[in-house]
Amino acid sequence: MSYAVLCLPFLAVSAVLAAIAWRRAPAGHAAALALTAGGLVLLTAVFDSLMIAAGLFDYADAPLLGPRLGLAPIEDFAYPIAALLLCSAVWTLLGRADASAPRDRPARAPRGIRR
């Protein structure tokens, strides 16, 4: 079994949940996801390359697709992207429906305190 096949279920579940949550996502959500994905790819490339260079772990060449960013195989990037999509979707789906709506009335003062 290749590493790419192993990654597919995680990516698929995350992508489906992200698609479901997309209609409830606030303005600027796509830009935030793109910026975060760029950061995760950069950090994964740097730190995985460092760990592979240090000999902490390595991959067998046969189950890899081939392309690498630094020393990190392209399959290594599936998990951070899946986590980003999954966390964003869960945050959006479990968030309050009116969280982005402006409040019509001022907050009430606690009992015993007058304004």
Protein backbone atom coordinates (compact mmCIF):
# COMPACT_ATOMS: atom_id res chain seq x y z
CA MET A 1 0.00 0.00 0.00
CA SER A 2 1.35 3.43 -0.84
CA TYR A 3 1.47 6.36 1.55
CA ALA A 4 -0.84 8.33 -0.77
CA VAL A 5 -3.56 5.68 -0.46
CA LEU A 6 -3.14 5.78 3.30
CA CYS A 7 -3.69 9.57 3.28
CA LEU A 8 -6.80 9.53 1.09
CA PRO A 9 -9.41 8.67 3.77
CA PHE A 10 -8.20 11.50 6.00
CA LEU A 11 -8.23 14.00 3.16
CA ALA A 12 -11.63 12.82 1.93
CA VAL A 13 -13.35 13.11 5.32
CA SER A 14 -11.78 16.52 5.93
CA ALA A 15 -12.73 17.79 2.47
CA VAL A 16 -16.35 16.63 2.83
CA LEU A 17 -16.73 18.31 6.22
CA ALA A 18 -15.05 21.47 4.91
CA ALA A 19 -17.49 21.55 1.97
CA ILE A 20 -20.45 21.17 4.33
CA ALA A 21 -19.17 23.96 6.58
CA TRP A 22 -18.30 26.27 3.68
CA ARG A 23 -21.77 27.85 3.48
CA ARG A 24 -21.60 28.88 7.15
CA ALA A 25 -18.03 30.16 6.99
CA PRO A 26 -17.49 33.86 7.75
CA ALA A 27 -16.18 36.41 5.29
CA GLY A 28 -12.46 36.06 4.65
CA HIS A 29 -12.51 32.36 5.45
CA ALA A 30 -10.91 31.31 2.15
CA ALA A 31 -8.07 33.79 2.57
CA ALA A 32 -7.44 32.62 6.13
CA LEU A 33 -7.37 28.98 5.00
CA ALA A 34 -4.98 29.75 2.15
CA LEU A 35 -2.62 31.70 4.41
CA THR A 36 -2.68 28.98 7.06
CA ALA A 37 -2.15 26.24 4.48
CA GLY A 38 0.89 28.09 3.14
CA GLY A 39 2.33 28.35 6.64
CA LEU A 40 1.67 24.68 7.36
CA VAL A 41 3.31 23.58 4.11
CA LEU A 42 6.36 25.74 4.82
CA LEU A 43 6.70 24.51 8.40
CA THR A 44 6.17 20.88 7.39
CA ALA A 45 8.80 21.15 4.65
CA VAL A 46 11.35 22.72 6.99
CA PHE A 47 10.86 20.56 10.06
CA ASP A 48 10.30 17.26 8.27
CA SER A 49 13.44 17.91 6.23
CA LEU A 50 15.38 18.63 9.41
CA MET A 51 14.12 15.47 11.11
CA ILE A 52 14.83 13.32 8.05
CA ALA A 53 18.32 14.85 7.71
CA ALA A 54 18.97 14.15 11.41
CA GLY A 55 18.05 10.52 10.84
CA LEU A 56 15.04 10.51 13.17
CA PHE A 57 12.99 8.74 10.51
CA ASP A 58 12.95 7.94 6.81
CA TYR A 59 10.59 6.55 4.20
CA ALA A 60 10.89 3.52 1.97
CA ASP A 61 11.09 4.72 -1.62
CA ALA A 62 8.72 2.12 -3.11
CA PRO A 63 5.42 3.38 -1.57
CA LEU A 64 6.19 7.06 -2.30
CA LEU A 65 4.80 8.99 -5.25
CA GLY A 66 8.20 10.55 -5.85
CA PRO A 67 8.02 14.35 -5.52
CA ARG A 68 9.59 15.92 -2.45
CA LEU A 69 9.72 19.39 -0.94
CA GLY A 70 13.13 19.52 0.60
CA LEU A 71 13.60 16.03 1.99
CA ALA A 72 9.91 15.61 2.86
CA PRO A 73 7.86 13.45 0.51
CA ILE A 74 4.75 15.08 -0.91
CA GLU A 75 2.55 12.63 1.04
CA ASP A 76 3.74 14.20 4.31
CA PHE A 77 1.76 17.33 3.52
CA ALA A 78 -1.60 15.56 3.41
CA TYR A 79 -1.96 15.32 7.17
CA PRO A 80 -1.45 19.01 8.03
CA ILE A 81 -3.81 20.02 5.21
CA ALA A 82 -6.41 17.47 6.36
CA ALA A 83 -6.06 18.75 9.94
CA LEU A 84 -6.51 22.34 8.76
CA LEU A 85 -9.67 21.49 6.83
CA LEU A 86 -11.05 19.34 9.63
CA CYS A 87 -10.38 21.83 12.43
CA SER A 88 -11.77 24.71 10.41
CA ALA A 89 -14.91 22.75 9.52
CA VAL A 90 -15.53 21.61 13.09
CA TRP A 91 -14.97 25.15 14.40
CA THR A 92 -17.42 26.55 11.85
CA LEU A 93 -20.06 23.84 12.29
CA LEU A 94 -19.98 23.93 16.10
CA GLY A 95 -19.81 27.71 16.33
CA ARG A 96 -22.81 29.83 17.21
CA ALA A 97 -25.06 30.65 14.28
CA ASP A 98 -25.28 34.30 15.32
CA ALA A 99 -21.60 34.78 16.23
CA SER A 100 -20.94 37.07 13.27
CA ALA A 101 -24.27 38.91 13.46
CA PRO A 102 -24.21 42.38 15.01
CA ARG A 103 -25.92 42.70 18.36
CA ASP A 104 -29.14 44.72 18.31
CA ARG A 105 -29.34 45.47 22.00
CA PRO A 106 -26.67 46.28 24.57
CA ALA A 107 -25.58 43.62 27.01
CA ARG A 108 -27.45 43.54 30.31
CA ALA A 109 -25.61 44.61 33.42
CA PRO A 110 -25.26 42.00 36.17
CA ARG A 111 -27.84 42.15 38.98
CA GLY A 112 -27.12 44.71 41.60
CA ILE A 113 -25.18 47.00 39.25
CA ARG A 114 -26.88 50.09 37.85
CA ARG A 115 -25.88 51.95 34.79
